[in-house]
Amino acid sequence: MIRLIVGLGNPGPEYEDTRHNAGFWWVDQATRQLGGSLQPDRAYHGMVARVNGAAADGSPVWLLQPMTYMNLSGKSVAPLARFFKILPGEILVVHDELDVPPGQMKLKLGGGNGGHNGLKDIQAQLGSGDFWRLRLGIGHPGVKSEVAAYVLRKPPQAERDGIEKMIDDSLATLPLMLAGSMDKAMAKIHAKPPRPKPPRPEPAAPKPELAAPPPVGE
């Protein structure tokens, strides 16, 4: 059961529409979907929403956007999790993912940080990497030296539309995650769209009838 949802990004208008802020975009929409409101909270160094009764057992669900900049995300996540006794397995971190193509997403429990500085700091501050991750694909620039500039740029409109659709699709699984049905949520998130059916072949035109040959001897 998910009790804390964290969206990763960087604060400030200059970062608002960049690829690295896809986690913020997700939490913005999730907060609206749950009827909450994100408010600044100095104790947790971020924008925080509490939605009472949203979890399966009737307990509150917390939504968090760290305002610490990406590299210090754990400074925001760990104090909130500890104060409200939220276990790592009850945390969902939503973040941009270079190794997944734009418009695709992956949901998994635990694992490494893949070089993502936000995940790296959360693992360090929690003392555990056993939290859920929703990886929102933004694609890779193809050259490692260009990664830093790539994630801090705005995606072209077609790519942004793909990310927005991915966010909408994954938010449809939010009730399942809050109910603790992570396997069902994972199945929906990883489901591939059905292949289009091939068009039916058109019926062959009837062959013209051949005239009967004349009788022999006439």
Protein backbone atom coordinates (compact mmCIF):
# COMPACT_ATOMS: atom_id res chain seq x y z
CA MET A 1 0.00 0.00 0.00
CA ILE A 2 1.38 3.41 -1.00
CA ARG A 3 1.23 6.12 1.68
CA LEU A 4 3.77 8.62 0.32
CA ILE A 5 4.08 9.69 -3.32
CA VAL A 6 7.17 11.71 -4.24
CA GLY A 7 7.63 13.45 -7.57
CA LEU A 8 11.20 14.47 -8.40
CA GLY A 9 12.21 17.70 -10.10
CA ASN A 10 13.89 21.05 -9.61
CA PRO A 11 12.18 24.16 -8.18
CA GLY A 12 11.92 27.43 -10.06
CA PRO A 13 10.27 28.62 -13.30
CA GLU A 14 13.43 28.01 -15.35
CA TYR A 15 13.11 24.25 -14.72
CA GLU A 16 9.33 23.97 -14.77
CA ASP A 17 8.94 22.53 -18.28
CA THR A 18 12.20 20.57 -18.52
CA ARG A 19 12.43 16.79 -18.88
CA HIS A 20 13.93 16.45 -15.39
CA ASN A 21 10.65 17.71 -13.90
CA ALA A 22 8.42 14.93 -15.21
CA GLY A 23 7.99 13.68 -11.64
CA PHE A 24 6.64 17.09 -10.60
CA TRP A 25 4.14 16.99 -13.49
CA TRP A 26 2.90 13.59 -12.31
CA VAL A 27 2.42 14.66 -8.70
CA ASP A 28 0.64 17.85 -9.79
CA GLN A 29 -1.96 15.75 -11.60
CA ALA A 30 -2.16 13.09 -8.89
CA THR A 31 -2.85 15.78 -6.28
CA ARG A 32 -5.68 17.19 -8.38
CA GLN A 33 -7.06 13.68 -8.97
CA LEU A 34 -7.16 13.02 -5.22
CA GLY A 35 -8.67 16.42 -4.43
CA GLY A 36 -5.64 17.68 -2.51
CA SER A 37 -3.61 20.88 -2.59
CA LEU A 38 0.18 21.20 -2.49
CA GLN A 39 1.40 23.73 0.07
CA PRO A 40 4.94 24.76 1.08
CA ASP A 41 6.16 23.05 4.25
CA ARG A 42 9.52 24.15 5.66
CA ALA A 43 9.74 21.14 7.97
CA TYR A 44 9.97 18.84 4.95
CA HIS A 45 11.72 21.21 2.52
CA GLY A 46 9.03 20.84 -0.12
CA MET A 47 5.52 21.23 -1.41
CA VAL A 48 3.29 18.86 0.55
CA ALA A 49 -0.31 17.68 0.26
CA ARG A 50 -2.14 15.48 2.77
CA VAL A 51 -5.22 13.68 1.50
CA ASN A 52 -7.14 12.14 4.39
CA GLY A 53 -8.69 8.72 3.95
CA ALA A 54 -7.12 8.12 0.53
CA ALA A 55 -5.23 4.94 1.49
CA ALA A 56 -6.92 1.54 1.46
CA ASP A 57 -7.03 1.39 5.27
CA GLY A 58 -8.48 4.90 5.56
CA SER A 59 -5.19 6.52 6.56
CA PRO A 60 -3.92 9.68 4.86
CA VAL A 61 -1.77 9.72 1.74
CA TRP A 62 1.05 12.25 1.43
CA LEU A 63 2.20 13.80 -1.83
CA LEU A 64 5.55 15.56 -1.93
CA GLN A 65 7.61 17.65 -4.34
CA PRO A 66 11.06 18.28 -2.82
CA MET A 67 12.16 21.91 -3.19
CA THR A 68 15.78 21.05 -2.40
CA TYR A 69 16.93 20.64 -6.01
CA MET A 70 17.31 17.14 -7.39
CA ASN A 71 20.63 16.23 -5.76
CA LEU A 72 19.23 16.69 -2.24
CA SER A 73 15.79 15.08 -2.67
CA GLY A 74 16.38 12.75 0.28
CA LYS A 75 16.63 15.75 2.61
CA SER A 76 12.92 16.26 1.94
CA VAL A 77 11.72 12.64 1.69
CA ALA A 78 13.42 11.07 4.72
CA PRO A 79 12.14 13.45 7.45
CA LEU A 80 8.52 13.12 6.31
CA ALA A 81 8.75 9.33 6.04
CA ARG A 82 10.34 9.01 9.48
CA PHE A 83 7.95 11.37 11.25
CA PHE A 84 4.84 9.59 9.95
CA LYS A 85 6.43 6.11 10.24
CA ILE A 86 6.13 5.40 6.51
CA LEU A 87 8.17 2.37 5.46
CA PRO A 88 10.28 2.37 2.27
CA GLY A 89 7.91 -0.17 0.70
CA GLU A 90 5.03 2.32 1.20
CA ILE A 91 6.80 5.04 -0.80
CA LEU A 92 6.39 5.64 -4.55
CA VAL A 93 9.02 7.86 -6.19
CA VAL A 94 8.05 9.14 -9.65
CA HIS A 95 10.98 10.30 -11.78
CA ASP A 96 12.27 10.84 -15.30
CA GLU A 97 14.19 7.91 -16.81
CA LEU A 98 16.85 8.23 -19.53
CA ASP A 99 16.96 4.49 -20.28
CA VAL A 100 13.26 4.28 -21.22
CA PRO A 101 11.99 5.77 -24.52
CA PRO A 102 9.67 8.80 -24.36
CA GLY A 103 6.06 7.78 -23.79
CA GLN A 104 6.98 4.44 -22.14
CA MET A 105 7.13 3.74 -18.40
CA LYS A 106 8.19 1.11 -15.90
CA LEU A 107 7.07 0.36 -12.34
CA LYS A 108 9.38 -1.57 -10.04
CA LEU A 109 10.28 -2.11 -6.38
CA GLY A 110 13.85 -1.43 -5.29
CA GLY A 111 16.97 -1.60 -7.39
CA GLY A 112 19.86 0.75 -8.05
CA ASN A 113 19.74 4.43 -8.88
CA GLY A 114 20.96 4.23 -12.49
CA GLY A 115 22.98 7.40 -11.99
CA HIS A 116 19.84 9.41 -11.11
CA ASN A 117 20.97 11.89 -8.46
CA GLY A 118 17.51 12.22 -6.92
CA LEU A 119 17.21 8.47 -6.35
CA LYS A 120 20.79 8.33 -5.11
CA ASP A 121 20.15 10.87 -2.34
CA ILE A 122 16.82 9.31 -1.31
CA GLN A 123 18.53 5.94 -0.93
CA ALA A 124 21.29 7.52 1.15
CA GLN A 125 18.92 9.46 3.43
CA LEU A 126 16.43 6.61 3.92
CA GLY A 127 19.19 4.05 4.35
CA SER A 128 17.31 1.80 1.95
CA GLY A 129 16.56 1.49 -1.73
CA ASP A 130 13.50 -0.71 -1.16
CA PHE A 131 10.93 1.86 -2.31
CA TRP A 132 8.74 1.77 -5.41
CA ARG A 133 9.79 3.69 -8.51
CA LEU A 134 7.64 4.80 -11.42
CA ARG A 135 10.10 5.51 -14.21
CA LEU A 136 8.77 7.94 -16.81
CA GLY A 137 10.67 7.54 -20.06
CA ILE A 138 12.30 10.66 -21.53
CA GLY A 139 14.80 8.90 -23.82
CA HIS A 140 18.55 9.36 -24.04
CA PRO A 141 20.47 11.93 -26.11
CA GLY A 142 22.79 9.16 -27.26
CA VAL A 143 25.97 10.69 -25.86
CA LYS A 144 26.77 10.54 -22.13
CA SER A 145 28.40 13.97 -22.12
CA GLU A 146 25.14 15.56 -23.29
CA VAL A 147 22.91 14.03 -20.58
CA ALA A 148 23.06 16.97 -18.13
CA ALA A 149 22.03 19.49 -20.76
CA TYR A 150 19.42 17.12 -22.23
CA VAL A 151 17.47 16.57 -19.00
CA LEU A 152 17.42 20.31 -18.28
CA ARG A 153 15.94 21.22 -21.66
CA LYS A 154 12.29 21.43 -22.63
CA PRO A 155 11.19 18.50 -24.81
CA PRO A 156 9.70 19.29 -28.24
CA GLN A 157 5.92 19.41 -28.29
CA ALA A 158 5.42 15.96 -29.81
CA GLU A 159 7.61 14.44 -27.10
CA ARG A 160 5.86 16.44 -24.37
CA ASP A 161 2.50 15.16 -25.65
CA GLY A 162 3.81 11.59 -25.36
CA ILE A 163 4.95 12.18 -21.79
CA GLU A 164 1.59 13.75 -20.89
CA LYS A 165 -0.28 10.75 -22.31
CA MET A 166 2.00 8.43 -20.34
CA ILE A 167 1.22 10.37 -17.16
CA ASP A 168 -2.52 10.16 -17.83
CA ASP A 169 -2.30 6.42 -18.49
CA SER A 170 -0.29 5.71 -15.35
CA LEU A 171 -2.58 7.83 -13.17
CA ALA A 172 -5.39 5.44 -14.06
CA THR A 173 -3.56 2.91 -11.85
CA LEU A 174 -3.35 5.25 -8.83
CA PRO A 175 -6.38 3.67 -7.05
CA LEU A 176 -4.75 0.24 -7.41
CA MET A 177 -1.48 1.48 -5.91
CA LEU A 178 -3.25 3.14 -2.99
CA ALA A 179 -5.10 -0.14 -2.40
CA GLY A 180 -1.84 -2.07 -2.35
CA SER A 181 -2.59 -3.93 -5.60
CA MET A 182 0.87 -3.24 -7.00
CA ASP A 183 0.91 -6.36 -9.19
CA LYS A 184 -2.27 -5.25 -10.95
CA ALA A 185 -0.93 -1.70 -11.32
CA MET A 186 2.31 -3.07 -12.76
CA ALA A 187 0.44 -5.25 -15.25
CA LYS A 188 -1.53 -2.26 -16.52
CA ILE A 189 1.51 0.03 -16.72
CA HIS A 190 3.58 -2.57 -18.58
CA ALA A 191 0.77 -3.71 -20.89
CA LYS A 192 1.55 -3.13 -24.55
CA PRO A 193 -1.17 -1.63 -26.73
CA PRO A 194 -2.96 -4.24 -28.83
CA ARG A 195 -1.62 -4.68 -32.31
CA PRO A 196 -3.90 -3.31 -35.00
CA LYS A 197 -5.73 -6.03 -36.87
CA PRO A 198 -4.62 -6.44 -40.49
CA PRO A 199 -7.24 -5.33 -43.01
CA ARG A 200 -9.44 -8.07 -44.38
CA PRO A 201 -8.56 -9.05 -47.93
CA GLU A 202 -11.11 -7.90 -50.44
CA PRO A 203 -13.10 -10.74 -52.04
CA ALA A 204 -11.75 -11.77 -55.42
CA ALA A 205 -13.76 -10.65 -58.43
CA PRO A 206 -15.74 -13.52 -60.03
CA LYS A 207 -14.03 -15.02 -63.07
CA PRO A 208 -15.91 -14.45 -66.36
CA GLU A 209 -17.62 -17.54 -67.72
CA LEU A 210 -16.00 -18.97 -70.86
CA ALA A 211 -18.26 -19.65 -73.84
CA ALA A 212 -18.77 -23.34 -74.57
CA PRO A 213 -16.83 -24.54 -77.71
CA PRO A 214 -18.99 -25.33 -80.75
CA PRO A 215 -19.84 -29.02 -81.35
CA VAL A 216 -17.29 -30.91 -83.50
CA GLY A 217 -18.31 -31.27 -87.15
CA GLU A 218 -20.46 -28.18 -87.47
